[in-house]
Protein backbone atom coordinates (compact mmCIF):
# COMPACT_ATOMS: atom_id res chain seq x y z
CA MET A 1 -20.67 9.50 -32.72
CA LEU A 2 -18.18 7.11 -33.80
CA SER A 3 -15.25 9.75 -32.83
CA LYS A 4 -17.26 9.50 -28.92
CA LEU A 5 -17.31 5.96 -29.01
CA ILE A 6 -13.72 5.97 -29.74
CA LEU A 7 -12.90 8.13 -26.88
CA VAL A 8 -14.84 6.08 -24.41
CA ALA A 9 -13.14 2.79 -25.51
CA SER A 10 -9.84 4.69 -25.34
CA ILE A 11 -10.76 6.13 -21.99
CA ILE A 12 -11.75 2.26 -20.39
CA GLY A 13 -8.68 0.48 -22.28
CA GLY A 14 -6.46 3.42 -20.42
CA ALA A 15 -8.26 2.40 -16.91
CA GLN A 16 -7.78 -1.04 -17.56
CA PHE A 17 -4.51 -0.39 -17.93
CA PHE A 18 -3.79 1.72 -15.46
CA ILE A 19 -5.55 -0.53 -12.81
CA GLY A 20 -3.21 -3.95 -13.95
CA TYR A 21 -0.29 -1.56 -13.72
CA PHE A 22 -1.04 -0.54 -10.21
CA ARG A 23 -2.27 -3.81 -8.91
CA SER A 24 0.90 -5.26 -10.04
CA MET A 25 2.91 -2.81 -8.30
CA VAL A 26 1.16 -3.07 -5.16
CA ALA A 27 1.80 -6.97 -5.52
CA SER A 28 5.34 -6.80 -6.15
CA MET A 29 5.99 -4.48 -3.15
CA ALA A 30 3.78 -6.54 -1.09
CA ALA A 31 6.11 -9.75 -1.88
CA GLN A 32 9.09 -7.89 -0.25
CA PRO A 33 10.08 -9.29 2.81
CA LEU A 34 9.85 -6.99 6.50
CA SER A 35 12.58 -6.77 8.71
CA GLU A 36 12.91 -7.67 12.63
CA LYS A 37 12.72 -4.07 13.60
CA PHE A 38 9.55 -3.90 11.82
CA PHE A 39 7.99 -6.33 14.06
CA VAL A 40 9.23 -4.77 17.30
CA ALA A 41 8.39 -0.96 16.40
CA ALA A 42 4.73 -2.10 15.23
CA GLY A 43 4.00 -4.99 17.37
CA PHE A 44 2.88 -7.63 14.93
CA LYS A 45 3.51 -10.87 15.61
CA ASN A 46 3.36 -12.58 12.25
CA ALA A 47 4.60 -11.54 8.65
CA ALA A 48 1.12 -12.19 7.19
CA MET A 49 -0.82 -8.94 7.40
CA GLN A 50 -4.51 -8.95 7.45
CA ALA A 51 -6.51 -6.63 6.15
CA ASP A 52 -7.93 -4.98 9.44
CA ASP A 53 -4.52 -3.50 10.14
CA PHE A 54 -4.48 -0.99 7.24
CA SER A 55 -5.79 1.46 9.06
CA ARG A 56 -3.06 0.87 12.01
CA LEU A 57 -0.20 0.57 9.47
CA MET A 58 -1.47 3.92 8.09
CA SER A 59 -1.49 5.53 11.56
CA LEU A 60 2.06 4.48 12.34
CA HIS A 61 2.93 5.62 8.44
CA ARG A 62 1.71 9.04 9.76
CA LEU A 63 3.73 9.11 13.06
CA MET A 64 6.98 8.39 11.42
CA PRO A 65 8.84 11.69 9.76
CA ASP A 66 9.69 11.72 6.29
CA VAL A 67 14.01 11.96 6.51
CA LYS A 68 14.24 11.15 3.04
CA THR A 69 11.40 11.85 0.15
CA LEU A 70 10.47 8.76 -1.04
CA PRO A 71 7.61 8.56 -3.74
CA ASN A 72 4.34 8.63 -1.61
CA SER A 73 2.58 5.96 -2.40
CA ALA A 74 0.39 5.40 0.71
CA ARG A 75 -1.52 8.08 -0.09
CA ARG A 76 -2.89 6.11 -3.65
CA LEU A 77 -2.55 2.73 -1.41
CA ASN A 78 -4.97 4.54 1.06
CA VAL A 79 -7.56 5.77 -1.88
CA TYR A 80 -7.34 2.00 -2.98
CA TYR A 81 -7.88 0.51 0.47
CA SER A 82 -10.98 3.04 0.39
CA ALA A 83 -12.18 1.71 -2.95
CA LEU A 84 -12.14 -1.91 -1.87
CA LYS A 85 -13.67 -1.29 1.60
CA MET A 86 -16.52 0.08 -0.45
CA ILE A 87 -16.87 -2.98 -2.73
CA SER A 88 -16.39 -5.65 -0.44
CA GLY A 89 -19.72 -5.97 0.74
CA VAL A 90 -21.01 -6.88 -2.59
CA PRO A 91 -21.25 -10.92 -2.39
CA VAL A 92 -19.68 -11.58 -5.82
CA VAL A 93 -16.62 -9.73 -5.09
CA GLY A 94 -16.20 -9.71 -1.79
CA LYS A 95 -13.70 -12.49 -0.97
CA TRP A 96 -11.40 -10.92 -3.68
CA ALA A 97 -11.88 -7.49 -2.13
CA GLN A 98 -10.97 -8.87 1.06
CA ASP A 99 -7.51 -10.30 -0.40
CA GLU A 100 -6.85 -7.04 -2.08
CA MET A 101 -7.22 -5.15 1.03
CA ALA A 102 -5.06 -7.77 2.83
CA MET A 103 -2.05 -7.51 0.05
CA ALA A 104 -2.82 -3.57 0.22
CA SER A 105 -2.10 -3.65 3.89
CA GLN A 106 0.67 -6.03 3.28
CA CYS A 107 2.23 -2.98 0.71
CA LEU A 108 1.67 -0.75 3.22
CA ALA A 109 3.90 -2.66 5.93
CA VAL A 110 6.33 -2.63 3.66
CA ILE A 111 6.30 1.19 3.24
CA VAL A 112 5.99 1.69 6.81
CA ASP A 113 9.25 -1.01 7.18
CA LYS A 114 11.15 1.46 4.66
CA ARG A 115 10.47 4.55 6.26
CA LEU A 116 11.47 3.35 9.78
CA LEU A 117 14.77 2.01 8.41
CA LEU A 118 15.88 5.31 6.84
CA ASN A 119 14.78 6.98 10.06
CA LEU A 120 17.21 4.50 12.55
CA ALA A 121 19.97 5.19 9.64
CA CYS A 122 19.37 8.88 9.73
CA ALA A 123 19.23 8.61 13.53
CA ALA A 124 22.46 6.65 13.24
CA GLU A 125 24.11 8.60 11.18
CA SER A 126 23.19 12.07 13.29
CA ARG A 127 24.79 10.33 16.57
CA SER A 128 28.38 9.79 15.00
CA PHE A 129 28.62 13.23 14.80
């Protein structure tokens, strides 16, 4: 019985550590600035992404080819966003979930911006030959 209790406690502790680590990675990536080329290509007016912009950014992410293999954090971010969307209707955590969804949208905008800049650099390199 004690071993099962220790197992459950270690799983809960590990999950709490993973969630905190993932949230800090998302927050640090979302704090990065976006390029002007992103705003022109994506059609956004301001730098602050809203929670509702996630699906539009995800479709942009899917449209752009992946010229260099980057870590595919967009899939994990999509899972995180979907989980937040499910709990956003709960009154106690609704505002927090909306803020986290906006941060996830901003993080995805940074990922799309990096992919756009890599594609533009690759296209410029191929034209130079």
